[in-house]
Amino acid sequence: MKVIPTTSDTEISALENKNLGRITQIIGPVLDVDFPPGKMPYIYNALRVQGRDSVGQQINVTCEVQQLLGNNRIRAVAMSATDGLKRGLEVVDTGAALSVPVGGATLGRIFNVLGEPIDNLGPVDTRTTSPIHRSAPAFVQTFRGSWGR
């Protein structure tokens, strides 16, 4: 591993512990990715593909694992355009599911599937997030206490 002199020990440790794979196939928004043996990501984990395409444009695509294909290969669905992606690009397993902001700051706002505001009203407080695949809250948890008074 090549270490940049300005990289801190914490950043080096994070780089060494990353679960990295490589794209083996791209068909529309669907990616097949190979991971090292014993390093397969879980279903619904978010994956990140970052780099540059053949003309130097920045690539930043988030995907979600949908299927374990066997032989250390997974199938994922991209959450944005796959233009510029190619076989062999590095993929990072985030180790967590896609999460979106929740709470009062999100009321009346419009978000994309990645939890990014798309209503041109500026950034939103993202301190509290929830995974997009979770059970619905119990009815008791939805009661605010001020209704019907």
N, C-alpha and C. Protein backbone atom coordinates (compact mmCIF):
# COMPACT_ATOMS: atom_id res chain seq x y z
N MET A 1 0.84 -1.18 0.00
CA MET A 1 0.00 0.00 0.00
C MET A 1 0.89 1.24 0.00
N LYS A 2 0.61 2.15 -0.88
CA LYS A 2 1.36 3.39 -0.98
C LYS A 2 0.72 4.41 -0.04
N VAL A 3 1.52 4.99 0.85
CA VAL A 3 1.00 5.94 1.82
C VAL A 3 1.48 7.33 1.47
N ILE A 4 0.56 8.27 1.41
CA ILE A 4 0.89 9.67 1.16
C ILE A 4 1.45 10.24 2.46
N PRO A 5 2.54 11.00 2.42
CA PRO A 5 3.17 11.50 3.65
C PRO A 5 2.24 12.28 4.56
N THR A 6 1.22 12.97 4.02
CA THR A 6 0.35 13.78 4.87
C THR A 6 -0.80 12.97 5.48
N THR A 7 -0.86 11.67 5.21
CA THR A 7 -1.95 10.84 5.73
C THR A 7 -1.71 10.54 7.20
N SER A 8 -2.74 10.76 8.02
CA SER A 8 -2.61 10.50 9.46
C SER A 8 -2.69 9.00 9.73
N ASP A 9 -2.27 8.59 10.94
CA ASP A 9 -2.33 7.18 11.32
C ASP A 9 -3.76 6.67 11.31
N THR A 10 -4.71 7.50 11.72
CA THR A 10 -6.12 7.11 11.73
C THR A 10 -6.60 6.85 10.31
N GLU A 11 -6.22 7.72 9.37
CA GLU A 11 -6.63 7.55 7.98
C GLU A 11 -5.99 6.31 7.37
N ILE A 12 -4.73 6.04 7.73
CA ILE A 12 -4.05 4.84 7.22
C ILE A 12 -4.77 3.60 7.72
N SER A 13 -5.13 3.58 9.00
CA SER A 13 -5.84 2.45 9.57
C SER A 13 -7.18 2.24 8.86
N ALA A 14 -7.88 3.33 8.58
CA ALA A 14 -9.17 3.24 7.88
C ALA A 14 -8.98 2.69 6.47
N LEU A 15 -7.91 3.12 5.78
CA LEU A 15 -7.65 2.62 4.43
C LEU A 15 -7.35 1.12 4.45
N GLU A 16 -6.59 0.67 5.45
CA GLU A 16 -6.22 -0.74 5.52
C GLU A 16 -7.43 -1.61 5.84
N ASN A 17 -8.42 -1.07 6.56
CA ASN A 17 -9.58 -1.85 6.97
C ASN A 17 -10.74 -1.78 5.98
N LYS A 18 -10.61 -1.02 4.90
CA LYS A 18 -11.69 -0.92 3.93
C LYS A 18 -11.90 -2.26 3.24
N ASN A 19 -13.16 -2.55 2.99
CA ASN A 19 -13.52 -3.74 2.25
C ASN A 19 -13.66 -3.34 0.78
N LEU A 20 -12.69 -3.71 -0.04
CA LEU A 20 -12.65 -3.26 -1.43
C LEU A 20 -12.97 -4.39 -2.39
N GLY A 21 -13.73 -4.05 -3.43
CA GLY A 21 -14.04 -4.98 -4.50
C GLY A 21 -13.76 -4.33 -5.84
N ARG A 22 -14.02 -5.07 -6.92
CA ARG A 22 -13.81 -4.56 -8.28
C ARG A 22 -15.02 -4.90 -9.14
N ILE A 23 -15.43 -3.93 -9.95
CA ILE A 23 -16.56 -4.14 -10.86
C ILE A 23 -16.15 -5.17 -11.92
N THR A 24 -17.04 -6.17 -12.13
CA THR A 24 -16.78 -7.18 -13.16
C THR A 24 -17.77 -7.10 -14.31
N GLN A 25 -18.94 -6.51 -14.07
CA GLN A 25 -19.94 -6.41 -15.13
C GLN A 25 -20.87 -5.23 -14.84
N ILE A 26 -21.28 -4.54 -15.89
CA ILE A 26 -22.23 -3.43 -15.77
C ILE A 26 -23.28 -3.61 -16.86
N ILE A 27 -24.54 -3.69 -16.44
CA ILE A 27 -25.66 -3.75 -17.39
C ILE A 27 -26.68 -2.73 -16.91
N GLY A 28 -26.71 -1.57 -17.54
CA GLY A 28 -27.60 -0.49 -17.10
C GLY A 28 -27.25 -0.08 -15.69
N PRO A 29 -28.24 -0.08 -14.77
CA PRO A 29 -27.96 0.32 -13.39
C PRO A 29 -27.46 -0.83 -12.51
N VAL A 30 -27.29 -2.01 -13.09
CA VAL A 30 -26.91 -3.20 -12.31
C VAL A 30 -25.42 -3.47 -12.45
N LEU A 31 -24.75 -3.63 -11.30
CA LEU A 31 -23.31 -3.90 -11.26
C LEU A 31 -23.06 -5.25 -10.60
N ASP A 32 -22.14 -6.01 -11.15
CA ASP A 32 -21.61 -7.19 -10.47
C ASP A 32 -20.23 -6.82 -9.97
N VAL A 33 -19.96 -7.16 -8.72
CA VAL A 33 -18.70 -6.77 -8.08
C VAL A 33 -18.08 -7.98 -7.39
N ASP A 34 -16.80 -8.21 -7.62
CA ASP A 34 -16.05 -9.27 -6.94
C ASP A 34 -15.39 -8.69 -5.70
N PHE A 35 -15.47 -9.44 -4.59
CA PHE A 35 -14.81 -9.08 -3.34
C PHE A 35 -13.85 -10.20 -2.95
N PRO A 36 -12.87 -9.91 -2.11
CA PRO A 36 -11.95 -10.97 -1.66
C PRO A 36 -12.72 -12.03 -0.86
N PRO A 37 -12.21 -13.27 -0.84
CA PRO A 37 -12.87 -14.33 -0.06
C PRO A 37 -13.04 -13.91 1.40
N GLY A 38 -14.22 -14.16 1.95
CA GLY A 38 -14.51 -13.82 3.34
C GLY A 38 -14.82 -12.37 3.59
N LYS A 39 -14.90 -11.55 2.55
CA LYS A 39 -15.15 -10.11 2.70
C LYS A 39 -16.43 -9.67 2.00
N MET A 40 -17.37 -10.58 1.82
CA MET A 40 -18.61 -10.25 1.12
C MET A 40 -19.44 -9.26 1.93
N PRO A 41 -19.97 -8.21 1.29
CA PRO A 41 -20.86 -7.29 2.01
C PRO A 41 -22.23 -7.93 2.23
N TYR A 42 -22.97 -7.40 3.19
CA TYR A 42 -24.32 -7.89 3.47
C TYR A 42 -25.31 -7.33 2.46
N ILE A 43 -26.43 -8.02 2.30
CA ILE A 43 -27.54 -7.51 1.49
C ILE A 43 -27.95 -6.15 2.07
N TYR A 44 -28.27 -5.20 1.23
CA TYR A 44 -28.68 -3.82 1.57
C TYR A 44 -27.51 -2.92 1.99
N ASN A 45 -26.28 -3.43 2.04
CA ASN A 45 -25.15 -2.54 2.33
C ASN A 45 -24.98 -1.54 1.19
N ALA A 46 -24.57 -0.35 1.53
CA ALA A 46 -24.26 0.67 0.52
C ALA A 46 -22.83 0.47 0.05
N LEU A 47 -22.63 0.60 -1.25
CA LEU A 47 -21.31 0.54 -1.85
C LEU A 47 -21.03 1.87 -2.52
N ARG A 48 -19.77 2.28 -2.55
CA ARG A 48 -19.40 3.54 -3.21
C ARG A 48 -18.38 3.26 -4.30
N VAL A 49 -18.62 3.85 -5.46
CA VAL A 49 -17.67 3.79 -6.57
C VAL A 49 -17.22 5.22 -6.80
N GLN A 50 -15.92 5.48 -6.62
CA GLN A 50 -15.39 6.81 -6.82
C GLN A 50 -14.14 6.72 -7.69
N GLY A 51 -13.96 7.71 -8.51
CA GLY A 51 -12.80 7.73 -9.38
C GLY A 51 -13.02 8.69 -10.53
N ARG A 52 -12.34 8.43 -11.63
CA ARG A 52 -12.47 9.26 -12.83
C ARG A 52 -12.73 8.36 -14.02
N ASP A 53 -13.57 8.86 -14.93
CA ASP A 53 -13.84 8.09 -16.15
C ASP A 53 -12.73 8.33 -17.16
N SER A 54 -12.90 7.79 -18.37
CA SER A 54 -11.85 7.86 -19.38
C SER A 54 -11.55 9.27 -19.88
N VAL A 55 -12.48 10.23 -19.67
CA VAL A 55 -12.23 11.62 -20.09
C VAL A 55 -11.92 12.54 -18.91
N GLY A 56 -11.73 11.95 -17.72
CA GLY A 56 -11.33 12.73 -16.56
C GLY A 56 -12.46 13.27 -15.70
N GLN A 57 -13.70 12.94 -16.04
CA GLN A 57 -14.85 13.38 -15.23
C GLN A 57 -14.89 12.60 -13.91
N GLN A 58 -15.24 13.30 -12.84
CA GLN A 58 -15.35 12.67 -11.53
C GLN A 58 -16.55 11.71 -11.50
N ILE A 59 -16.33 10.51 -10.97
CA ILE A 59 -17.39 9.52 -10.80
C ILE A 59 -17.65 9.38 -9.31
N ASN A 60 -18.90 9.44 -8.90
CA ASN A 60 -19.29 9.23 -7.51
C ASN A 60 -20.67 8.57 -7.52
N VAL A 61 -20.68 7.24 -7.50
CA VAL A 61 -21.92 6.48 -7.60
C VAL A 61 -22.10 5.66 -6.33
N THR A 62 -23.29 5.72 -5.75
CA THR A 62 -23.65 4.89 -4.61
C THR A 62 -24.54 3.76 -5.11
N CYS A 63 -24.27 2.56 -4.64
CA CYS A 63 -25.03 1.38 -5.03
C CYS A 63 -25.52 0.67 -3.77
N GLU A 64 -26.48 -0.23 -3.96
CA GLU A 64 -26.99 -1.03 -2.85
C GLU A 64 -26.92 -2.51 -3.24
N VAL A 65 -26.34 -3.32 -2.34
CA VAL A 65 -26.23 -4.76 -2.58
C VAL A 65 -27.63 -5.37 -2.57
N GLN A 66 -27.95 -6.13 -3.63
CA GLN A 66 -29.26 -6.76 -3.74
C GLN A 66 -29.20 -8.28 -3.74
N GLN A 67 -28.06 -8.83 -4.14
CA GLN A 67 -27.99 -10.28 -4.29
C GLN A 67 -26.56 -10.77 -4.11
N LEU A 68 -26.42 -11.91 -3.43
CA LEU A 68 -25.13 -12.59 -3.32
C LEU A 68 -25.12 -13.68 -4.38
N LEU A 69 -24.22 -13.57 -5.36
CA LEU A 69 -24.22 -14.48 -6.51
C LEU A 69 -23.39 -15.74 -6.29
N GLY A 70 -22.56 -15.76 -5.28
CA GLY A 70 -21.65 -16.88 -5.07
C GLY A 70 -20.30 -16.57 -5.69
N ASN A 71 -19.31 -17.39 -5.38
CA ASN A 71 -17.95 -17.19 -5.89
C ASN A 71 -17.44 -15.78 -5.61
N ASN A 72 -17.75 -15.26 -4.42
CA ASN A 72 -17.28 -13.94 -3.96
C ASN A 72 -17.77 -12.79 -4.83
N ARG A 73 -18.93 -12.94 -5.44
CA ARG A 73 -19.49 -11.91 -6.31
C ARG A 73 -20.87 -11.50 -5.81
N ILE A 74 -21.13 -10.19 -5.87
CA ILE A 74 -22.45 -9.66 -5.49
C ILE A 74 -23.05 -8.92 -6.68
N ARG A 75 -24.36 -8.70 -6.61
CA ARG A 75 -25.05 -7.88 -7.61
C ARG A 75 -25.63 -6.69 -6.86
N ALA A 76 -25.39 -5.50 -7.40
CA ALA A 76 -25.84 -4.26 -6.76
C ALA A 76 -26.58 -3.40 -7.77
N VAL A 77 -27.43 -2.52 -7.26
CA VAL A 77 -28.17 -1.58 -8.10
C VAL A 77 -27.67 -0.17 -7.79
N ALA A 78 -27.31 0.56 -8.84
CA ALA A 78 -26.82 1.94 -8.69
C ALA A 78 -27.99 2.87 -8.38
N MET A 79 -27.75 3.85 -7.53
CA MET A 79 -28.77 4.83 -7.16
C MET A 79 -28.70 6.09 -8.02
N SER A 80 -27.78 6.11 -8.97
CA SER A 80 -27.67 7.22 -9.93
C SER A 80 -27.12 6.65 -11.24
N ALA A 81 -26.91 7.51 -12.20
CA ALA A 81 -26.45 7.07 -13.53
C ALA A 81 -25.11 6.35 -13.43
N THR A 82 -24.95 5.34 -14.27
CA THR A 82 -23.70 4.57 -14.28
C THR A 82 -22.78 4.99 -15.43
N ASP A 83 -23.07 6.14 -16.03
CA ASP A 83 -22.22 6.65 -17.11
C ASP A 83 -20.79 6.79 -16.62
N GLY A 84 -19.85 6.29 -17.40
CA GLY A 84 -18.44 6.40 -17.06
C GLY A 84 -17.89 5.24 -16.27
N LEU A 85 -18.75 4.40 -15.69
CA LEU A 85 -18.26 3.24 -14.96
C LEU A 85 -17.70 2.22 -15.94
N LYS A 86 -16.69 1.48 -15.49
CA LYS A 86 -16.10 0.45 -16.34
C LYS A 86 -15.62 -0.70 -15.47
N ARG A 87 -15.43 -1.84 -16.10
CA ARG A 87 -14.93 -3.00 -15.37
C ARG A 87 -13.57 -2.69 -14.77
N GLY A 88 -13.36 -3.20 -13.57
CA GLY A 88 -12.07 -3.01 -12.91
C GLY A 88 -12.04 -1.86 -11.93
N LEU A 89 -13.03 -0.96 -11.98
CA LEU A 89 -13.05 0.15 -11.02
C LEU A 89 -13.22 -0.38 -9.60
N GLU A 90 -12.58 0.29 -8.67
CA GLU A 90 -12.63 -0.10 -7.26
C GLU A 90 -13.97 0.30 -6.64
N VAL A 91 -14.50 -0.60 -5.80
CA VAL A 91 -15.76 -0.40 -5.11
C VAL A 91 -15.49 -0.55 -3.62
N VAL A 92 -16.02 0.37 -2.80
CA VAL A 92 -15.83 0.33 -1.35
C VAL A 92 -17.14 -0.04 -0.68
N ASP A 93 -17.10 -1.08 0.16
CA ASP A 93 -18.25 -1.46 0.98
C ASP A 93 -18.27 -0.55 2.19
N THR A 94 -19.35 0.22 2.37
CA THR A 94 -19.44 1.15 3.50
C THR A 94 -19.69 0.42 4.82
N GLY A 95 -20.18 -0.82 4.74
CA GLY A 95 -20.47 -1.57 5.96
C GLY A 95 -21.78 -1.19 6.60
N ALA A 96 -22.57 -0.35 5.93
CA ALA A 96 -23.85 0.10 6.48
C ALA A 96 -24.88 0.23 5.36
N ALA A 97 -26.14 0.24 5.74
CA ALA A 97 -27.22 0.42 4.77
C ALA A 97 -27.33 1.89 4.37
N LEU A 98 -28.00 2.14 3.25
CA LEU A 98 -28.30 3.52 2.87
C LEU A 98 -29.14 4.15 3.97
N SER A 99 -28.81 5.37 4.36
CA SER A 99 -29.55 6.07 5.41
C SER A 99 -29.96 7.44 4.91
N VAL A 100 -31.08 7.91 5.42
CA VAL A 100 -31.59 9.23 5.05
C VAL A 100 -31.85 10.03 6.32
N PRO A 101 -31.82 11.37 6.23
CA PRO A 101 -32.11 12.18 7.41
C PRO A 101 -33.56 12.03 7.84
N VAL A 102 -33.78 12.10 9.14
CA VAL A 102 -35.13 12.03 9.70
C VAL A 102 -35.28 13.11 10.76
N GLY A 103 -36.50 13.40 11.13
CA GLY A 103 -36.76 14.38 12.17
C GLY A 103 -37.46 15.62 11.65
N GLY A 104 -37.65 16.57 12.53
CA GLY A 104 -38.37 17.79 12.21
C GLY A 104 -37.78 18.58 11.07
N ALA A 105 -36.47 18.55 10.91
CA ALA A 105 -35.82 19.33 9.84
C ALA A 105 -36.18 18.81 8.45
N THR A 106 -36.70 17.59 8.36
CA THR A 106 -37.03 17.02 7.05
C THR A 106 -38.47 17.28 6.63
N LEU A 107 -39.31 17.74 7.56
CA LEU A 107 -40.72 17.97 7.22
C LEU A 107 -40.85 19.04 6.15
N GLY A 108 -41.60 18.73 5.10
CA GLY A 108 -41.82 19.67 4.01
C GLY A 108 -40.69 19.74 3.00
N ARG A 109 -39.65 18.95 3.20
CA ARG A 109 -38.50 18.96 2.29
C ARG A 109 -38.64 17.81 1.29
N ILE A 110 -37.90 17.90 0.17
CA ILE A 110 -37.91 16.87 -0.85
C ILE A 110 -36.49 16.32 -0.99
N PHE A 111 -36.37 14.98 -0.94
CA PHE A 111 -35.07 14.31 -0.98
C PHE A 111 -35.03 13.28 -2.09
N ASN A 112 -33.82 12.98 -2.55
CA ASN A 112 -33.65 11.84 -3.46
C ASN A 112 -33.47 10.58 -2.61
N VAL A 113 -33.26 9.44 -3.25
CA VAL A 113 -33.16 8.18 -2.53
C VAL A 113 -31.93 8.12 -1.62
N LEU A 114 -30.95 8.97 -1.85
CA LEU A 114 -29.75 8.99 -1.02
C LEU A 114 -29.87 9.94 0.16
N GLY A 115 -31.02 10.61 0.30
CA GLY A 115 -31.22 11.53 1.41
C GLY A 115 -30.66 12.92 1.16
N GLU A 116 -30.35 13.23 -0.08
CA GLU A 116 -29.83 14.56 -0.43
C GLU A 116 -31.00 15.46 -0.81
N PRO A 117 -31.06 16.68 -0.24
CA PRO A 117 -32.18 17.57 -0.58
C PRO A 117 -32.13 17.99 -2.05
N ILE A 118 -33.29 17.95 -2.70
CA ILE A 118 -33.36 18.32 -4.12
C ILE A 118 -34.39 19.43 -4.35
N ASP A 119 -34.74 20.15 -3.29
CA ASP A 119 -35.76 21.20 -3.40
C ASP A 119 -35.18 22.61 -3.44
N ASN A 120 -33.86 22.72 -3.55
CA ASN A 120 -33.17 24.02 -3.63
C ASN A 120 -33.41 24.91 -2.41
N LEU A 121 -33.66 24.30 -1.25
CA LEU A 121 -33.85 25.06 -0.02
C LEU A 121 -32.62 24.99 0.89
N GLY A 122 -31.51 24.55 0.34
CA GLY A 122 -30.28 24.50 1.12
C GLY A 122 -30.11 23.18 1.85
N PRO A 123 -29.02 23.08 2.61
CA PRO A 123 -28.73 21.83 3.33
C PRO A 123 -29.72 21.59 4.45
N VAL A 124 -29.77 20.35 4.88
CA VAL A 124 -30.66 19.95 5.97
C VAL A 124 -29.81 19.33 7.08
N ASP A 125 -30.26 19.49 8.32
CA ASP A 125 -29.57 18.92 9.47
C ASP A 125 -29.60 17.39 9.34
N THR A 126 -28.43 16.78 9.21
CA THR A 126 -28.37 15.33 9.00
C THR A 126 -27.78 14.59 10.20
N ARG A 127 -27.90 15.16 11.38
CA ARG A 127 -27.37 14.49 12.56
C ARG A 127 -28.12 13.21 12.88
N THR A 128 -29.44 13.19 12.62
CA THR A 128 -30.24 12.00 12.89
C THR A 128 -30.64 11.37 11.56
N THR A 129 -30.20 10.12 11.36
CA THR A 129 -30.54 9.41 10.13
C THR A 129 -31.12 8.04 10.47
N SER A 130 -31.81 7.46 9.50
CA SER A 130 -32.37 6.12 9.63
C SER A 130 -32.12 5.35 8.35
N PRO A 131 -31.87 4.05 8.46
CA PRO A 131 -31.70 3.25 7.24
C PRO A 131 -33.00 3.20 6.44
N ILE A 132 -32.90 3.10 5.12
CA ILE A 132 -34.11 3.10 4.30
C ILE A 132 -34.85 1.77 4.39
N HIS A 133 -34.18 0.70 4.80
CA HIS A 133 -34.84 -0.60 4.98
C HIS A 133 -34.95 -0.87 6.47
N ARG A 134 -36.08 -0.55 7.04
CA ARG A 134 -36.31 -0.82 8.45
C ARG A 134 -37.80 -1.03 8.66
N SER A 135 -38.14 -1.59 9.78
CA SER A 135 -39.55 -1.81 10.08
C SER A 135 -40.22 -0.47 10.36
N ALA A 136 -41.51 -0.41 10.08
CA ALA A 136 -42.27 0.80 10.39
C ALA A 136 -42.34 0.97 11.91
N PRO A 137 -42.37 2.21 12.40
CA PRO A 137 -42.49 2.40 13.85
C PRO A 137 -43.85 1.93 14.35
N ALA A 138 -43.89 1.51 15.59
CA ALA A 138 -45.16 1.12 16.20
C ALA A 138 -46.08 2.34 16.26
N PHE A 139 -47.37 2.11 16.25
CA PHE A 139 -48.33 3.21 16.28
C PHE A 139 -48.10 4.11 17.49
N VAL A 140 -47.76 3.52 18.61
CA VAL A 140 -47.53 4.30 19.84
C VAL A 140 -46.37 5.27 19.64
N GLN A 141 -45.37 4.88 18.85
CA GLN A 141 -44.22 5.74 18.60
C GLN A 141 -44.56 6.91 17.68
N THR A 142 -45.65 6.82 16.94
CA THR A 142 -46.02 7.90 16.03
C THR A 142 -46.87 8.95 16.71
N PHE A 143 -47.38 8.68 17.90
CA PHE A 143 -48.24 9.61 18.61
C PHE A 143 -47.41 10.72 19.24
N ARG A 144 -47.76 11.96 18.98
CA ARG A 144 -47.01 13.11 19.48
C ARG A 144 -47.52 13.62 20.82
N GLY A 145 -48.74 13.29 21.19
CA GLY A 145 -49.27 13.75 22.46
C GLY A 145 -50.06 15.05 22.37
N SER A 146 -49.97 15.79 21.27
CA SER A 146 -50.67 17.07 21.18
C SER A 146 -51.93 16.98 20.33
N TRP A 147 -52.18 15.83 19.70
CA TRP A 147 -53.37 15.70 18.87
C TRP A 147 -54.60 15.48 19.73
N GLY A 148 -55.69 16.03 19.32
CA GLY A 148 -56.97 15.80 19.99
C GLY A 148 -57.12 16.54 21.31
N ARG A 149 -56.26 17.48 21.59
CA ARG A 149 -56.39 18.23 22.85
C ARG A 149 -57.08 19.53 22.62
